[in-house]
PDB file of N, CA and C in Angstrom:
ATOM      1  N   MET A   1     112.500 118.451 105.483  1.00  0.00           N
ATOM      2  CA  MET A   1     112.121 118.244 104.100  1.00  0.00           C
ATOM      3  C   MET A   1     112.168 116.751 103.804  1.00  0.00           C
ATOM      4  N   THR A   2     111.190 116.262 103.117  1.00  0.00           N
ATOM      5  CA  THR A   2     111.124 114.848 102.770  1.00  0.00           C
ATOM      6  C   THR A   2     112.017 114.583 101.570  1.00  0.00           C
ATOM      7  N   LYS A   3     112.815 113.539 101.684  1.00  0.00           N
ATOM      8  CA  LYS A   3     113.702 113.227 100.568  1.00  0.00           C
ATOM      9  C   LYS A   3     113.118 112.096  99.730  1.00  0.00           C
ATOM     10  N   GLN A   4     113.576 112.036  98.493  1.00  0.00           N
ATOM     11  CA  GLN A   4     113.125 110.975  97.604  1.00  0.00           C
ATOM     12  C   GLN A   4     113.967 109.734  97.831  1.00  0.00           C
ATOM     13  N   THR A   5     113.320 108.598  97.627  1.00  0.00           N
ATOM     14  CA  THR A   5     113.994 107.336  97.776  1.00  0.00           C
ATOM     15  C   THR A   5     113.450 106.368  96.736  1.00  0.00           C
ATOM     16  N   ALA A   6     114.193 105.338  96.456  1.00  0.00           N
ATOM     17  CA  ALA A   6     113.740 104.333  95.495  1.00  0.00           C
ATOM     18  C   ALA A   6     113.025 103.227  96.262  1.00  0.00           C
ATOM     19  N   THR A   7     111.919 102.793  95.721  1.00  0.00           N
ATOM     20  CA  THR A   7     111.187 101.669  96.290  1.00  0.00           C
ATOM     21  C   THR A   7     110.795 100.746  95.142  1.00  0.00           C
ATOM     22  N   THR A   8     110.530  99.505  95.480  1.00  0.00           N
ATOM     23  CA  THR A   8     110.184  98.532  94.454  1.00  0.00           C
ATOM     24  C   THR A   8     108.745  98.108  94.626  1.00  0.00           C
ATOM     25  N   VAL A   9     108.013  98.088  93.511  1.00  0.00           N
ATOM     26  CA  VAL A   9     106.654  97.555  93.499  1.00  0.00           C
ATOM     27  C   VAL A   9     106.630  96.387  92.518  1.00  0.00           C
ATOM     28  N   GLU A  10     105.748  95.448  92.800  1.00  0.00           N
ATOM     29  CA  GLU A  10     105.627  94.312  91.901  1.00  0.00           C
ATOM     30  C   GLU A  10     104.215  94.305  91.319  1.00  0.00           C
ATOM     31  N   ILE A  11     104.169  94.209  89.988  1.00  0.00           N
ATOM     32  CA  ILE A  11     102.894  94.187  89.277  1.00  0.00           C
ATOM     33  C   ILE A  11     102.961  93.073  88.244  1.00  0.00           C
ATOM     34  N   MET A  12     102.028  92.161  88.352  1.00  0.00           N
ATOM     35  CA  MET A  12     101.919  91.035  87.422  1.00  0.00           C
ATOM     36  C   MET A  12     103.246  90.280  87.288  1.00  0.00           C
ATOM     37  N   GLY A  13     103.894  90.056  88.434  1.00  0.00           N
ATOM     38  CA  GLY A  13     105.112  89.273  88.441  1.00  0.00           C
ATOM     39  C   GLY A  13     106.373  90.011  88.037  1.00  0.00           C
ATOM     40  N   LYS A  14     106.260  91.280  87.729  1.00  0.00           N
ATOM     41  CA  LYS A  14     107.439  92.063  87.349  1.00  0.00           C
ATOM     42  C   LYS A  14     107.696  93.116  88.417  1.00  0.00           C
ATOM     43  N   SER A  15     108.962  93.318  88.702  1.00  0.00           N
ATOM     44  CA  SER A  15     109.353  94.327  89.692  1.00  0.00           C
ATOM     45  C   SER A  15     109.712  95.623  88.985  1.00  0.00           C
ATOM     46  N   TYR A  16     109.268  96.718  89.591  1.00  0.00           N
ATOM     47  CA  TYR A  16     109.554  98.047  89.061  1.00  0.00           C
ATOM     48  C   TYR A  16     110.123  98.890  90.186  1.00  0.00           C
ATOM     49  N   GLN A  17     111.266  99.488  89.923  1.00  0.00           N
ATOM     50  CA  GLN A  17     111.858 100.383  90.907  1.00  0.00           C
ATOM     51  C   GLN A  17     111.364 101.793  90.599  1.00  0.00           C
ATOM     52  N   ILE A  18     110.762 102.403  91.603  1.00  0.00           N
ATOM     53  CA  ILE A  18     110.145 103.717  91.450  1.00  0.00           C
ATOM     54  C   ILE A  18     110.764 104.658  92.470  1.00  0.00           C
ATOM     55  N   LYS A  19     111.046 105.864  92.038  1.00  0.00           N
ATOM     56  CA  LYS A  19     111.561 106.889  92.943  1.00  0.00           C
ATOM     57  C   LYS A  19     110.385 107.745  93.403  1.00  0.00           C
ATOM     58  N   CYS A  20     110.261 107.917  94.705  1.00  0.00           N
ATOM     59  CA  CYS A  20     109.188 108.762  95.240  1.00  0.00           C
ATOM     60  C   CYS A  20     109.622 109.301  96.593  1.00  0.00           C
ATOM     61  N   PHE A  21     108.835 110.210  97.132  1.00  0.00           N
ATOM     62  CA  PHE A  21     109.105 110.736  98.463  1.00  0.00           C
ATOM     63  C   PHE A  21     108.842 109.642  99.493  1.00  0.00           C
ATOM     64  N   GLU A  22     109.631 109.633 100.542  1.00  0.00           N
ATOM     65  CA  GLU A  22     109.474 108.621 101.590  1.00  0.00           C
ATOM     66  C   GLU A  22     108.053 108.606 102.141  1.00  0.00           C
ATOM     67  N   SER A  23     107.452 109.776 102.247  1.00  0.00           N
ATOM     68  CA  SER A  23     106.104 109.882 102.794  1.00  0.00           C
ATOM     69  C   SER A  23     105.046 109.280 101.869  1.00  0.00           C
ATOM     70  N   GLU A  24     105.406 108.984 100.624  1.00  0.00           N
ATOM     71  CA  GLU A  24     104.444 108.455  99.651  1.00  0.00           C
ATOM     72  C   GLU A  24     104.627 106.966  99.362  1.00  0.00           C
ATOM     73  N   ILE A  25     105.587 106.321 100.024  1.00  0.00           N
ATOM     74  CA  ILE A  25     105.868 104.914  99.734  1.00  0.00           C
ATOM     75  C   ILE A  25     104.649 104.035 100.003  1.00  0.00           C
ATOM     76  N   GLU A  26     104.013 104.216 101.137  1.00  0.00           N
ATOM     77  CA  GLU A  26     102.846 103.386 101.473  1.00  0.00           C
ATOM     78  C   GLU A  26     101.722 103.586 100.464  1.00  0.00           C
ATOM     79  N   SER A  27     101.498 104.823 100.084  1.00  0.00           N
ATOM     80  CA  SER A  27     100.460 105.123  99.093  1.00  0.00           C
ATOM     81  C   SER A  27     100.803 104.509  97.738  1.00  0.00           C
ATOM     82  N   LEU A  28     102.063 104.567  97.360  1.00  0.00           N
ATOM     83  CA  LEU A  28     102.503 103.972  96.101  1.00  0.00           C
ATOM     84  C   LEU A  28     102.320 102.455  96.126  1.00  0.00           C
ATOM     85  N   GLN A  29     102.642 101.836  97.250  1.00  0.00           N
ATOM     86  CA  GLN A  29     102.468 100.389  97.377  1.00  0.00           C
ATOM     87  C   GLN A  29     100.988 100.010  97.252  1.00  0.00           C
ATOM     88  N   LYS A  30     100.108 100.801  97.861  1.00  0.00           N
ATOM     89  CA  LYS A  30      98.669 100.549  97.749  1.00  0.00           C
ATOM     90  C   LYS A  30      98.203 100.722  96.310  1.00  0.00           C
ATOM     91  N   ALA A  31      98.717 101.740  95.632  1.00  0.00           N
ATOM     92  CA  ALA A  31      98.356 101.972  94.232  1.00  0.00           C
ATOM     93  C   ALA A  31      98.804 100.807  93.361  1.00  0.00           C
ATOM     94  N   ALA A  32     100.003 100.300  93.623  1.00  0.00           N
ATOM     95  CA  ALA A  32     100.509  99.159  92.850  1.00  0.00           C
ATOM     96  C   ALA A  32      99.649  97.925  93.088  1.00  0.00           C
ATOM     97  N   LEU A  33      99.243  97.705  94.327  1.00  0.00           N
ATOM     98  CA  LEU A  33      98.377  96.574  94.640  1.00  0.00           C
ATOM     99  C   LEU A  33      97.019  96.718  93.947  1.00  0.00           C
ATOM    100  N   PHE A  34      96.482  97.928  93.983  1.00  0.00           N
ATOM    101  CA  PHE A  34      95.208  98.189  93.303  1.00  0.00           C
ATOM    102  C   PHE A  34      95.336  97.930  91.801  1.00  0.00           C
ATOM    103  N   LEU A  35      96.420  98.421  91.209  1.00  0.00           N
ATOM    104  CA  LEU A  35      96.639  98.232  89.778  1.00  0.00           C
ATOM    105  C   LEU A  35      96.791  96.754  89.447  1.00  0.00           C
ATOM    106  N   GLU A  36      97.521  96.040  90.256  1.00  0.00           N
ATOM    107  CA  GLU A  36      97.679  94.604  89.999  1.00  0.00           C
ATOM    108  C   GLU A  36      96.335  93.888  90.058  1.00  0.00           C
ATOM    109  N   GLU A  37      95.520  94.213  91.048  1.00  0.00           N
ATOM    110  CA  GLU A  37      94.188  93.595  91.149  1.00  0.00           C
ATOM    111  C   GLU A  37      93.347  93.923  89.922  1.00  0.00           C
ATOM    112  N   GLU A  38      93.417  95.163  89.484  1.00  0.00           N
ATOM    113  CA  GLU A  38      92.656  95.586  88.299  1.00  0.00           C
ATOM    114  C   GLU A  38      93.159  94.853  87.056  1.00  0.00           C
ATOM    115  N   MET A  39      94.446  94.709  86.934  1.00  0.00           N
ATOM    116  CA  MET A  39      95.017  94.034  85.766  1.00  0.00           C
ATOM    117  C   MET A  39      94.665  92.543  85.770  1.00  0.00           C
ATOM    118  N   ARG A  40      94.699  91.920  86.927  1.00  0.00           N
ATOM    119  CA  ARG A  40      94.317  90.506  87.011  1.00  0.00           C
ATOM    120  C   ARG A  40      92.847  90.328  86.660  1.00  0.00           C
ATOM    121  N   ARG A  41      92.015  91.248  87.131  1.00  0.00           N
ATOM    122  CA  ARG A  41      90.576  91.196  86.805  1.00  0.00           C
ATOM    123  C   ARG A  41      90.373  91.351  85.295  1.00  0.00           C
ATOM    124  N   ALA A  42      91.074  92.300  84.693  1.00  0.00           N
ATOM    125  CA  ALA A  42      90.956  92.519  83.244  1.00  0.00           C
ATOM    126  C   ALA A  42      91.426  91.286  82.480  1.00  0.00           C
ATOM    127  N   ARG A  43      92.500  90.694  82.942  1.00  0.00           N
ATOM    128  CA  ARG A  43      93.020  89.488  82.285  1.00  0.00           C
ATOM    129  C   ARG A  43      92.013  88.340  82.382  1.00  0.00           C
ATOM    130  N   ASP A  44      91.422  88.164  83.568  1.00  0.00           N
ATOM    131  CA  ASP A  44      90.491  87.061  83.775  1.00  0.00           C
ATOM    132  C   ASP A  44      89.182  87.253  83.020  1.00  0.00           C
ATOM    133  N   VAL A  45      88.689  88.488  82.969  1.00  0.00           N
ATOM    134  CA  VAL A  45      87.421  88.763  82.298  1.00  0.00           C
ATOM    135  C   VAL A  45      87.578  88.746  80.787  1.00  0.00           C
ATOM    136  N   ALA A  46      88.604  89.392  80.289  1.00  0.00           N
ATOM    137  CA  ALA A  46      88.774  89.535  78.839  1.00  0.00           C
ATOM    138  C   ALA A  46      89.558  88.375  78.230  1.00  0.00           C
ATOM    139  N   HIS A  47      90.094  87.510  79.075  1.00  0.00           N
ATOM    140  CA  HIS A  47      90.903  86.375  78.599  1.00  0.00           C
ATOM    141  C   HIS A  47      92.016  86.848  77.660  1.00  0.00           C
ATOM    142  N   VAL A  48      92.661  87.940  78.078  1.00  0.00           N
ATOM    143  CA  VAL A  48      93.739  88.530  77.297  1.00  0.00           C
ATOM    144  C   VAL A  48      95.062  88.111  77.929  1.00  0.00           C
ATOM    145  N   LEU A  49      96.013  87.776  77.109  1.00  0.00           N
ATOM    146  CA  LEU A  49      97.321  87.362  77.625  1.00  0.00           C
ATOM    147  C   LEU A  49      98.375  88.444  77.475  1.00  0.00           C
ATOM    148  N   SER A  50      98.198  89.344  76.538  1.00  0.00           N
ATOM    149  CA  SER A  50      99.184  90.395  76.300  1.00  0.00           C
ATOM    150  C   SER A  50      99.185  91.381  77.462  1.00  0.00           C
ATOM    151  N   ILE A  51     100.331  91.534  78.100  1.00  0.00           N
ATOM    152  CA  ILE A  51     100.450  92.450  79.231  1.00  0.00           C
ATOM    153  C   ILE A  51     100.145  93.883  78.814  1.00  0.00           C
ATOM    154  N   ASP A  52     100.494  94.242  77.572  1.00  0.00           N
ATOM    155  CA  ASP A  52     100.200  95.587  77.082  1.00  0.00           C
ATOM    156  C   ASP A  52      98.696  95.819  77.011  1.00  0.00           C
ATOM    157  N   ARG A  53      97.970  94.857  76.465  1.00  0.00           N
ATOM    158  CA  ARG A  53      96.513  95.004  76.368  1.00  0.00           C
ATOM    159  C   ARG A  53      95.861  95.016  77.745  1.00  0.00           C
ATOM    160  N   ILE A  54      96.370  94.166  78.641  1.00  0.00           N
ATOM    161  CA  ILE A  54      95.846  94.151  80.007  1.00  0.00           C
ATOM    162  C   ILE A  54      96.066  95.514  80.665  1.00  0.00           C
ATOM    163  N   ALA A  55      97.243  96.091  80.462  1.00  0.00           N
ATOM    164  CA  ALA A  55      97.555  97.398  81.042  1.00  0.00           C
ATOM    165  C   ALA A  55      96.641  98.485  80.479  1.00  0.00           C
ATOM    166  N   VAL A  56      96.417  98.459  79.169  1.00  0.00           N
ATOM    167  CA  VAL A  56      95.559  99.476  78.548  1.00  0.00           C
ATOM    168  C   VAL A  56      94.119  99.320  79.012  1.00  0.00           C
ATOM    169  N   ILE A  57      93.610  98.097  79.035  1.00  0.00           N
ATOM    170  CA  ILE A  57      92.233  97.861  79.497  1.00  0.00           C
ATOM    171  C   ILE A  57      92.091  98.318  80.942  1.00  0.00           C
ATOM    172  N   SER A  58      93.067  97.996  81.778  1.00  0.00           N
ATOM    173  CA  SER A  58      93.029  98.411  83.183  1.00  0.00           C
ATOM    174  C   SER A  58      93.080  99.924  83.318  1.00  0.00           C
ATOM    175  N   ALA A  59      93.950 100.553  82.542  1.00  0.00           N
ATOM    176  CA  ALA A  59      94.059 102.016  82.586  1.00  0.00           C
ATOM    177  C   ALA A  59      92.739 102.665  82.172  1.00  0.00           C
ATOM    178  N   LEU A  60      92.103 102.119  81.149  1.00  0.00           N
ATOM    179  CA  LEU A  60      90.811 102.658  80.709  1.00  0.00           C
ATOM    180  C   LEU A  60      89.744 102.473  81.789  1.00  0.00           C
ATOM    181  N   ASN A  61      89.709 101.292  82.412  1.00  0.00           N
ATOM    182  CA  ASN A  61      88.729 101.051  83.477  1.00  0.00           C
ATOM    183  C   ASN A  61      88.935 102.001  84.650  1.00  0.00           C
ATOM    184  N   ILE A  62      90.181 102.154  85.065  1.00  0.00           N
ATOM    185  CA  ILE A  62      90.484 103.043  86.197  1.00  0.00           C
ATOM    186  C   ILE A  62      90.164 104.496  85.834  1.00  0.00           C
ATOM    187  N   THR A  63      90.522 104.910  84.637  1.00  0.00           N
ATOM    188  CA  THR A  63      90.248 106.277  84.189  1.00  0.00           C
ATOM    189  C   THR A  63      88.751 106.532  84.106  1.00  0.00           C
ATOM    190  N   HIS A  64      88.010 105.562  83.608  1.00  0.00           N
ATOM    191  CA  HIS A  64      86.555 105.689  83.514  1.00  0.00           C
ATOM    192  C   HIS A  64      85.951 105.892  84.911  1.00  0.00           C
ATOM    193  N   ARG A  65      86.374 105.067  85.870  1.00  0.00           N
ATOM    194  CA  ARG A  65      85.869 105.212  87.234  1.00  0.00           C
ATOM    195  C   ARG A  65      86.267 106.559  87.827  1.00  0.00           C
ATOM    196  N   PHE A  66      87.508 106.965  87.586  1.00  0.00           N
ATOM    197  CA  PHE A  66      87.975 108.246  88.099  1.00  0.00           C
ATOM    198  C   PHE A  66      87.148 109.405  87.544  1.00  0.00           C
ATOM    199  N   LEU A  67      86.907 109.392  86.241  1.00  0.00           N
ATOM    200  CA  LEU A  67      86.136 110.475  85.623  1.00  0.00           C
ATOM    201  C   LEU A  67      84.700 110.494  86.132  1.00  0.00           C
ATOM    202  N   ASN A  68      84.106 109.322  86.346  1.00  0.00           N
ATOM    203  CA  ASN A  68      82.763 109.269  86.920  1.00  0.00           C
ATOM    204  C   ASN A  68      82.751 109.861  88.321  1.00  0.00           C
ATOM    205  N   LEU A  69      83.759 109.516  89.125  1.00  0.00           N
ATOM    206  CA  LEU A  69      83.854 110.076  90.477  1.00  0.00           C
ATOM    207  C   LEU A  69      84.090 111.582  90.441  1.00  0.00           C
ATOM    208  N   GLU A  70      84.912 112.029  89.514  1.00  0.00           N
ATOM    209  CA  GLU A  70      85.174 113.463  89.377  1.00  0.00           C
ATOM    210  C   GLU A  70      83.899 114.207  88.983  1.00  0.00           C
ATOM    211  N   ASN A  71      83.133 113.643  88.058  1.00  0.00           N
ATOM    212  CA  ASN A  71      81.862 114.259  87.662  1.00  0.00           C
ATOM    213  C   ASN A  71      80.895 114.314  88.835  1.00  0.00           C
ATOM    214  N   GLU A  72      80.825 113.240  89.616  1.00  0.00           N
ATOM    215  CA  GLU A  72      79.950 113.218  90.789  1.00  0.00           C
ATOM    216  C   GLU A  72      80.410 114.249  91.811  1.00  0.00           C
ATOM    217  N   TYR A  73      81.701 114.375  91.993  1.00  0.00           N
ATOM    218  CA  TYR A  73      82.254 115.372  92.911  1.00  0.00           C
ATOM    219  C   TYR A  73      81.861 116.777  92.460  1.00  0.00           C
ATOM    220  N   GLN A  74      82.023 117.064  91.177  1.00  0.00           N
ATOM    221  CA  GLN A  74      81.664 118.377  90.642  1.00  0.00           C
ATOM    222  C   GLN A  74      80.168 118.658  90.829  1.00  0.00           C
ATOM    223  N   ARG A  75      79.340 117.634  90.588  1.00  0.00           N
ATOM    224  CA  ARG A  75      77.897 117.790  90.765  1.00  0.00           C
ATOM    225  C   ARG A  75      77.584 118.110  92.223  1.00  0.00           C
ATOM    226  N   GLN A  76      78.215 117.391  93.148  1.00  0.00           N
ATOM    227  CA  GLN A  76      77.981 117.634  94.564  1.00  0.00           C
ATOM    228  C   GLN A  76      78.487 119.007  94.985  1.00  0.00           C
ATOM    229  N   GLN A  77      79.629 119.417  94.458  1.00  0.00           N
ATOM    230  CA  GLN A  77      80.149 120.747  94.765  1.00  0.00           C
ATOM    231  C   GLN A  77      79.173 121.830  94.299  1.00  0.00           C
ATOM    232  N   HIS A  78      78.632 121.655  93.101  1.00  0.00           N
ATOM    233  CA  HIS A  78      77.662 122.614  92.580  1.00  0.00           C
ATOM    234  C   HIS A  78      76.419 122.649  93.483  1.00  0.00           C
ATOM    235  N   GLU A  79      75.963 121.481  93.895  1.00  0.00           N
ATOM    236  CA  GLU A  79      74.789 121.402  94.762  1.00  0.00           C
ATOM    237  C   GLU A  79      75.059 122.068  96.109  1.00  0.00           C
ATOM    238  N   ILE A  80      76.228 121.863  96.665  1.00  0.00           N
ATOM    239  CA  ILE A  80      76.585 122.490  97.937  1.00  0.00           C
ATOM    240  C   ILE A  80      76.638 124.009  97.789  1.00  0.00           C
ATOM    241  N   GLN A  81      77.254 124.475  96.703  1.00  0.00           N
ATOM    242  CA  GLN A  81      77.319 125.921  96.472  1.00  0.00           C
ATOM    243  C   GLN A  81      75.918 126.519  96.346  1.00  0.00           C
ATOM    244  N   GLN A  82      75.029 125.810  95.658  1.00  0.00           N
ATOM    245  CA  GLN A  82      73.652 126.293  95.510  1.00  0.00           C
ATOM    246  C   GLN A  82      72.957 126.344  96.865  1.00  0.00           C
ATOM    247  N   ARG A  83      73.137 125.329  97.680  1.00  0.00           N
ATOM    248  CA  ARG A  83      72.534 125.318  99.017  1.00  0.00           C
ATOM    249  C   ARG A  83      73.067 126.464  99.864  1.00  0.00           C
ATOM    250  N   LEU A  84      74.373 126.716  99.770  1.00  0.00           N
ATOM    251  CA  LEU A  84      74.954 127.823 100.526  1.00  0.00           C
ATOM    252  C   LEU A  84      74.391 129.166 100.076  1.00  0.00           C
ATOM    253  N   ARG A  85      74.233 129.329  98.757  1.00  0.00           N
ATOM    254  CA  ARG A  85      73.631 130.580  98.255  1.00  0.00           C
ATOM    255  C   ARG A  85      72.198 130.723  98.759  1.00  0.00           C
ATOM    256  N   ASP A  86      71.438 129.624  98.744  1.00  0.00           N
ATOM    257  CA  ASP A  86      70.063 129.664  99.242  1.00  0.00           C
ATOM    258  C   ASP A  86      70.021 130.029 100.719  1.00  0.00           C
ATOM    259  N   LEU A  87      70.918 129.429 101.520  1.00  0.00           N
ATOM    260  CA  LEU A  87      70.975 129.746 102.946  1.00  0.00           C
ATOM    261  C   LEU A  87      71.374 131.197 103.172  1.00  0.00           C
ATOM    262  N   GLN A  88      72.325 131.681 102.385  1.00  0.00           N
ATOM    263  CA  GLN A  88      72.752 133.066 102.512  1.00  0.00           C
ATOM    264  C   GLN A  88      71.593 134.010 102.211  1.00  0.00           C
ATOM    265  N   THR A  89      70.832 133.691 101.179  1.00  0.00           N
ATOM    266  CA  THR A  89      69.665 134.507 100.833  1.00  0.00           C
ATOM    267  C   THR A  89      68.642 134.492 101.960  1.00  0.00           C
ATOM    268  N   LYS A  90      68.376 133.324 102.546  1.00  0.00           N
ATOM    269  CA  LYS A  90      67.417 133.227 103.657  1.00  0.00           C
ATOM    270  C   LYS A  90      67.893 134.037 104.857  1.00  0.00           C
ATOM    271  N   ILE A  91      69.187 133.954 105.154  1.00  0.00           N
ATOM    272  CA  ILE A  91      69.737 134.705 106.284  1.00  0.00           C
ATOM    273  C   ILE A  91      69.619 136.203 106.032  1.00  0.00           C
ATOM    274  N   GLU A  92      69.975 136.624 104.833  1.00  0.00           N
ATOM    275  CA  GLU A  92      69.874 138.049 104.504  1.00  0.00           C
ATOM    276  C   GLU A  92      68.430 138.529 104.577  1.00  0.00           C
ATOM    277  N   ASN A  93      67.496 137.717 104.082  1.00  0.00           N
ATOM    278  CA  ASN A  93      66.072 138.083 104.151  1.00  0.00           C
ATOM    279  C   ASN A  93      65.603 138.159 105.596  1.00  0.00           C
ATOM    280  N   ALA A  94      66.057 137.247 106.451  1.00  0.00           N
ATOM    281  CA  ALA A  94      65.674 137.260 107.861  1.00  0.00           C
ATOM    282  C   ALA A  94      66.235 138.495 108.561  1.00  0.00           C
ATOM    283  N   ILE A  95      67.463 138.860 108.214  1.00  0.00           N
ATOM    284  CA  ILE A  95      68.075 140.052 108.825  1.00  0.00           C
ATOM    285  C   ILE A  95      67.307 141.302 108.414  1.00  0.00           C
ATOM    286  N   VAL A  96      66.962 141.394 107.135  1.00  0.00           N
ATOM    287  CA  VAL A  96      66.202 142.555 106.642  1.00  0.00           C
ATOM    288  C   VAL A  96      64.831 142.603 107.316  1.00  0.00           C
ATOM    289  N   ALA A  97      64.165 141.440 107.399  1.00  0.00           N
ATOM    290  CA  ALA A  97      62.839 141.402 108.025  1.00  0.00           C
ATOM    291  C   ALA A  97      62.933 141.794 109.495  1.00  0.00           C
ATOM    292  N   ASN A  98      63.942 141.336 110.176  1.00  0.00           N
ATOM    293  CA  ASN A  98      64.136 141.678 111.582  1.00  0.00           C
ATOM    294  C   ASN A  98      64.401 143.170 111.739  1.00  0.00           C
ATOM    295  N   ALA A  99      65.227 143.731 110.877  1.00  0.00           N
ATOM    296  CA  ALA A  99      65.524 145.163 110.945  1.00  0.00           C
ATOM    297  C   ALA A  99      64.252 145.974 110.686  1.00  0.00           C
ATOM    298  N   GLN A 100      63.426 145.534 109.735  1.00  0.00           N
ATOM    299  CA  GLN A 100      62.183 146.250 109.448  1.00  0.00           C
ATOM    300  C   GLN A 100      61.217 146.187 110.623  1.00  0.00           C
ATOM    301  N   MET A 101      61.188 145.021 111.298  1.00  0.00           N
ATOM    302  CA  MET A 101      60.310 144.886 112.475  1.00  0.00           C
ATOM    303  C   MET A 101      60.794 145.796 113.610  1.00  0.00           C
ATOM    304  N   GLU A 102      62.101 145.900 113.774  1.00  0.00           N
ATOM    305  CA  GLU A 102      62.634 146.776 114.821  1.00  0.00           C
ATOM    306  C   GLU A 102      62.330 148.237 114.526  1.00  0.00           C
ATOM    307  N   LEU A 103      62.439 148.619 113.241  1.00  0.00           N
ATOM    308  CA  LEU A 103      62.113 150.005 112.868  1.00  0.00           C
ATOM    309  C   LEU A 103      60.640 150.290 113.053  1.00  0.00           C
ATOM    310  N   ALA A 104      59.792 149.329 112.749  1.00  0.00           N
ATOM    311  CA  ALA A 104      58.342 149.516 112.857  1.00  0.00           C
ATOM    312  C   ALA A 104      57.902 149.625 114.324  1.00  0.00           C
ATOM    313  N   SER A 105      58.634 148.964 115.213  1.00  0.00           N
ATOM    314  CA  SER A 105      58.247 148.972 116.613  1.00  0.00           C
ATOM    315  C   SER A 105      58.760 150.194 117.356  1.00  0.00           C
ATOM    316  N   GLU A 106      59.597 150.982 116.737  1.00  0.00           N
ATOM    317  CA  GLU A 106      60.137 152.186 117.404  1.00  0.00           C
ATOM    318  C   GLU A 106      59.184 153.300 117.389  1.00  0.00           C
TER     319      GLU A 106
END
C-alpha cells in the first residue's frame, strides 16, 4: 500500500508543503511547475502584480483549456461510438447476407 508523505513545491517564490501519496510526488512536482509557468505568463501578459489575481487568471486559463479538451474528448468518444455502431451494423448485415446466400445455395 502506498503511504502518504509530505513534499514541498515552490510556486512564485513561495514554498508549499503538500501531503500526497509517494507515487504522486513526481506528478505533483510537474503540476506545480506547470502552474508556476502559467502564473508567470499571466503576470507578464496582464501586467498584474497581485498574486491572488495572478492565481485566479491562471486558474481560469487552465480550467478553460481543460474544459475545451474535455469537450473534444467527449466529441471524439461520441464519434468512436458511432463508428463502432456503424461497423456492427455492417458486420450484422454481412452475416445475414452470407446466411441467406448459404440457404439459397442448398
